[in-house]
C-alpha atoms as a PDB file:
ATOM      1  CA  ILE A   1      -6.841  30.231  49.897  1.00  0.00           C
ATOM      2  CA  ILE A   2      -7.958  33.469  48.230  1.00  0.00           C
ATOM      3  CA  GLY A   3      -4.875  35.132  49.701  1.00  0.00           C
ATOM      4  CA  ASP A   4      -2.717  33.059  47.346  1.00  0.00           C
ATOM      5  CA  LEU A   5      -4.730  34.041  44.263  1.00  0.00           C
ATOM      6  CA  ALA A   6      -5.851  37.479  45.333  1.00  0.00           C
ATOM      7  CA  ALA A   7      -5.623  40.527  43.174  1.00  0.00           C
ATOM      8  CA  THR A   8      -6.301  44.008  44.459  1.00  0.00           C
ATOM      9  CA  VAL A   9      -8.897  45.627  42.231  1.00  0.00           C
ATOM     10  CA  THR A  10      -9.886  49.283  42.013  1.00  0.00           C
ATOM     11  CA  TYR A  11     -13.219  50.082  40.413  1.00  0.00           C
ATOM     12  CA  THR A  12     -14.721  53.518  39.988  1.00  0.00           C
ATOM     13  CA  PRO A  13     -18.449  53.128  39.342  1.00  0.00           C
ATOM     14  CA  ALA A  14     -19.878  55.612  36.917  1.00  0.00           C
ATOM     15  CA  GLY A  15     -21.085  58.635  38.837  1.00  0.00           C
ATOM     16  CA  THR A  16     -22.236  62.010  37.699  1.00  0.00           C
ATOM     17  CA  LEU A  17     -20.011  63.627  35.113  1.00  0.00           C
ATOM     18  CA  ALA A  18     -18.773  67.026  36.264  1.00  0.00           C
ATOM     19  CA  TYR A  19     -17.917  69.397  33.403  1.00  0.00           C
ATOM     20  CA  ASP A  20     -15.002  71.789  33.898  1.00  0.00           C
ATOM     21  CA  PRO A  21     -15.372  74.727  31.480  1.00  0.00           C
ATOM     22  CA  ALA A  22     -11.778  75.834  32.118  1.00  0.00           C
ATOM     23  CA  THR A  23     -10.357  72.577  30.729  1.00  0.00           C
ATOM     24  CA  GLY A  24     -13.276  71.618  28.504  1.00  0.00           C
ATOM     25  CA  SER A  25     -13.313  68.116  29.954  1.00  0.00           C
ATOM     26  CA  SER A  26     -15.577  66.026  32.133  1.00  0.00           C
ATOM     27  CA  THR A  27     -14.591  64.072  35.230  1.00  0.00           C
ATOM     28  CA  ASN A  28     -16.335  61.045  36.694  1.00  0.00           C
ATOM     29  CA  THR A  29     -17.415  61.846  40.262  1.00  0.00           C
ATOM     30  CA  GLY A  30     -17.949  58.188  41.205  1.00  0.00           C
ATOM     31  CA  THR A  31     -16.154  57.069  44.364  1.00  0.00           C
ATOM     32  CA  PRO A  32     -13.356  54.521  43.760  1.00  0.00           C
ATOM     33  CA  LEU A  33     -13.818  51.170  45.480  1.00  0.00           C
ATOM     34  CA  THR A  34     -10.876  48.854  46.248  1.00  0.00           C
ATOM     35  CA  PHE A  35     -11.393  45.170  47.028  1.00  0.00           C
ATOM     36  CA  LYS A  36      -9.722  41.757  46.814  1.00  0.00           C
ATOM     37  CA  ALA A  37     -10.771  39.258  44.170  1.00  0.00           C
ATOM     38  CA  ALA A  38      -9.608  35.886  42.921  1.00  0.00           C
ATOM     39  CA  PHE A  39      -8.063  36.310  39.460  1.00  0.00           C
ATOM     40  CA  ALA A  40      -8.051  33.456  36.945  1.00  0.00           C
ATOM     41  CA  ARG A  41      -7.363  33.215  33.229  1.00  0.00           C
ATOM     42  CA  PHE A  42      -9.778  31.287  31.038  1.00  0.00           C
ATOM     43  CA  GLY A  43      -8.532  27.841  30.046  1.00  0.00           C
ATOM     44  CA  PRO A  44      -7.742  26.875  26.438  1.00  0.00           C
ATOM     45  CA  ASN A  45     -11.008  24.905  26.134  1.00  0.00           C
ATOM     46  CA  GLU A  46     -13.014  28.024  27.166  1.00  0.00           C
ATOM     47  CA  ILE A  47     -11.509  30.342  24.540  1.00  0.00           C
ATOM     48  CA  ASP A  48     -13.752  30.549  21.485  1.00  0.00           C
ATOM     49  CA  GLY A  49     -12.180  33.612  19.831  1.00  0.00           C
ATOM     50  CA  LYS A  50     -15.441  35.567  20.014  1.00  0.00           C
ATOM     51  CA  VAL A  51     -16.956  35.800  23.494  1.00  0.00           C
ATOM     52  CA  VAL A  52     -13.751  34.705  25.234  1.00  0.00           C
ATOM     53  CA  VAL A  53     -10.448  35.616  23.587  1.00  0.00           C
ATOM     54  CA  GLN A  54      -6.824  34.867  24.432  1.00  0.00           C
ATOM     55  CA  ASN A  55      -5.731  36.612  27.686  1.00  0.00           C
ATOM     56  CA  ASP A  56      -9.288  37.235  28.937  1.00  0.00           C
ATOM     57  CA  ALA A  57      -9.679  36.600  32.648  1.00  0.00           C
ATOM     58  CA  ARG A  58     -12.334  36.343  35.313  1.00  0.00           C
ATOM     59  CA  LEU A  59     -12.556  37.847  38.756  1.00  0.00           C
ATOM     60  CA  ILE A  60     -14.433  36.078  41.539  1.00  0.00           C
ATOM     61  CA  VAL A  61     -15.643  38.688  44.018  1.00  0.00           C
ATOM     62  CA  ALA A  62     -17.654  38.516  47.240  1.00  0.00           C
ATOM     63  CA  GLY A  63     -20.868  40.461  46.680  1.00  0.00           C
ATOM     64  CA  ALA A  64     -20.421  42.306  49.973  1.00  0.00           C
ATOM     65  CA  ASP A  65     -17.021  43.606  48.772  1.00  0.00           C
ATOM     66  CA  LEU A  66     -18.194  44.747  45.373  1.00  0.00           C
ATOM     67  CA  GLY A  67     -20.767  47.359  46.350  1.00  0.00           C
ATOM     68  CA  SER A  68     -22.176  47.826  42.852  1.00  0.00           C
ATOM     69  CA  VAL A  69     -21.959  45.459  39.917  1.00  0.00           C
ATOM     70  CA  PRO A  70     -19.543  46.646  37.226  1.00  0.00           C
ATOM     71  CA  ASN A  71     -21.269  47.424  33.951  1.00  0.00           C
ATOM     72  CA  GLU A  72     -20.141  46.327  30.512  1.00  0.00           C
ATOM     73  CA  ASN A  73     -17.193  48.469  29.319  1.00  0.00           C
ATOM     74  CA  ASP A  74     -16.389  49.817  32.803  1.00  0.00           C
ATOM     75  CA  ILE A  75     -12.665  49.850  33.570  1.00  0.00           C
ATOM     76  CA  LEU A  76     -11.063  48.008  36.485  1.00  0.00           C
ATOM     77  CA  THR A  77      -7.439  48.381  37.604  1.00  0.00           C
ATOM     78  CA  VAL A  78      -5.992  45.032  38.707  1.00  0.00           C
ATOM     79  CA  SER A  79      -2.825  44.741  40.823  1.00  0.00           C
ATOM     80  CA  MET A  80      -1.362  41.229  40.900  1.00  0.00           C
ATOM     81  CA  PRO A  81       1.611  40.265  43.063  1.00  0.00           C
ATOM     82  CA  LEU A  82       4.225  38.314  41.092  1.00  0.00           C
ATOM     83  CA  PRO A  83       6.477  35.523  42.409  1.00  0.00           C
ATOM     84  CA  ASN A  84       9.555  37.767  42.133  1.00  0.00           C
ATOM     85  CA  GLY A  85       8.059  40.206  44.659  1.00  0.00           C
ATOM     86  CA  THR A  86       6.987  42.877  42.168  1.00  0.00           C
ATOM     87  CA  THR A  87       3.409  43.832  41.313  1.00  0.00           C
ATOM     88  CA  ARG A  88       1.869  43.886  37.831  1.00  0.00           C
ATOM     89  CA  VAL A  89      -0.773  46.611  37.414  1.00  0.00           C
ATOM     90  CA  THR A  90      -3.097  46.362  34.404  1.00  0.00           C
ATOM     91  CA  GLN A  91      -6.360  47.884  33.270  1.00  0.00           C
ATOM     92  CA  HIS A  92      -9.228  45.706  32.112  1.00  0.00           C
ATOM     93  CA  ARG A  93     -12.572  46.375  30.462  1.00  0.00           C
ATOM     94  CA  VAL A  94     -15.614  44.572  31.842  1.00  0.00           C
ATOM     95  CA  ILE A  95     -17.097  42.215  29.272  1.00  0.00           C
ATOM     96  CA  ARG A  96     -19.834  40.731  31.461  1.00  0.00           C
ATOM     97  CA  SER A  97     -20.787  40.396  35.137  1.00  0.00           C
ATOM     98  CA  THR A  98     -22.881  37.562  36.542  1.00  0.00           C
ATOM     99  CA  GLY A  99     -23.976  36.917  40.103  1.00  0.00           C
ATOM    100  CA  THR A 100     -25.170  33.987  42.142  1.00  0.00           C
ATOM    101  CA  PRO A 101     -28.660  33.948  43.659  1.00  0.00           C
ATOM    102  CA  GLY A 102     -28.729  36.431  46.512  1.00  0.00           C
ATOM    103  CA  ALA A 103     -25.738  38.281  45.015  1.00  0.00           C
ATOM    104  CA  ALA A 104     -23.321  36.505  47.369  1.00  0.00           C
ATOM    105  CA  VAL A 105     -20.635  36.077  44.707  1.00  0.00           C
ATOM    106  CA  PHE A 106     -20.012  37.729  41.348  1.00  0.00           C
ATOM    107  CA  ARG A 107     -17.992  36.526  38.381  1.00  0.00           C
ATOM    108  CA  VAL A 108     -16.671  39.364  36.269  1.00  0.00           C
ATOM    109  CA  HIS A 109     -15.331  38.563  32.780  1.00  0.00           C
ATOM    110  CA  ILE A 110     -12.583  41.087  31.972  1.00  0.00           C
ATOM    111  CA  ARG A 111     -10.338  41.896  29.010  1.00  0.00           C
ATOM    112  CA  GLU A 112      -7.041  43.759  29.257  1.00  0.00           C
ATOM    113  CA  VAL A 113      -7.004  47.142  27.507  1.00  0.00           C
END
């Protein structure tokens, strides 16, 4: 059933920042991780306008697929197949991550940026 609801998610955990003096910028050296997750919007009765706002969503992810738990404010790229055959790609900021005992499953509250 997850195949019907599955989004492809790319997450780059924070790694060491590498400073490039030639450009004057820093680059995250974390290794990107791509996995499947169930994507679901919060229902109208869950939206309180503070913790959960309109268009927030949650990802349900197998702990074994996640590798490391996304931290608050990390960015995830979510690719969702649409019924017309195209794919919608969006970036989301992590609001909160919670896991089940034993870290078998994680719920990640995300907000589109």
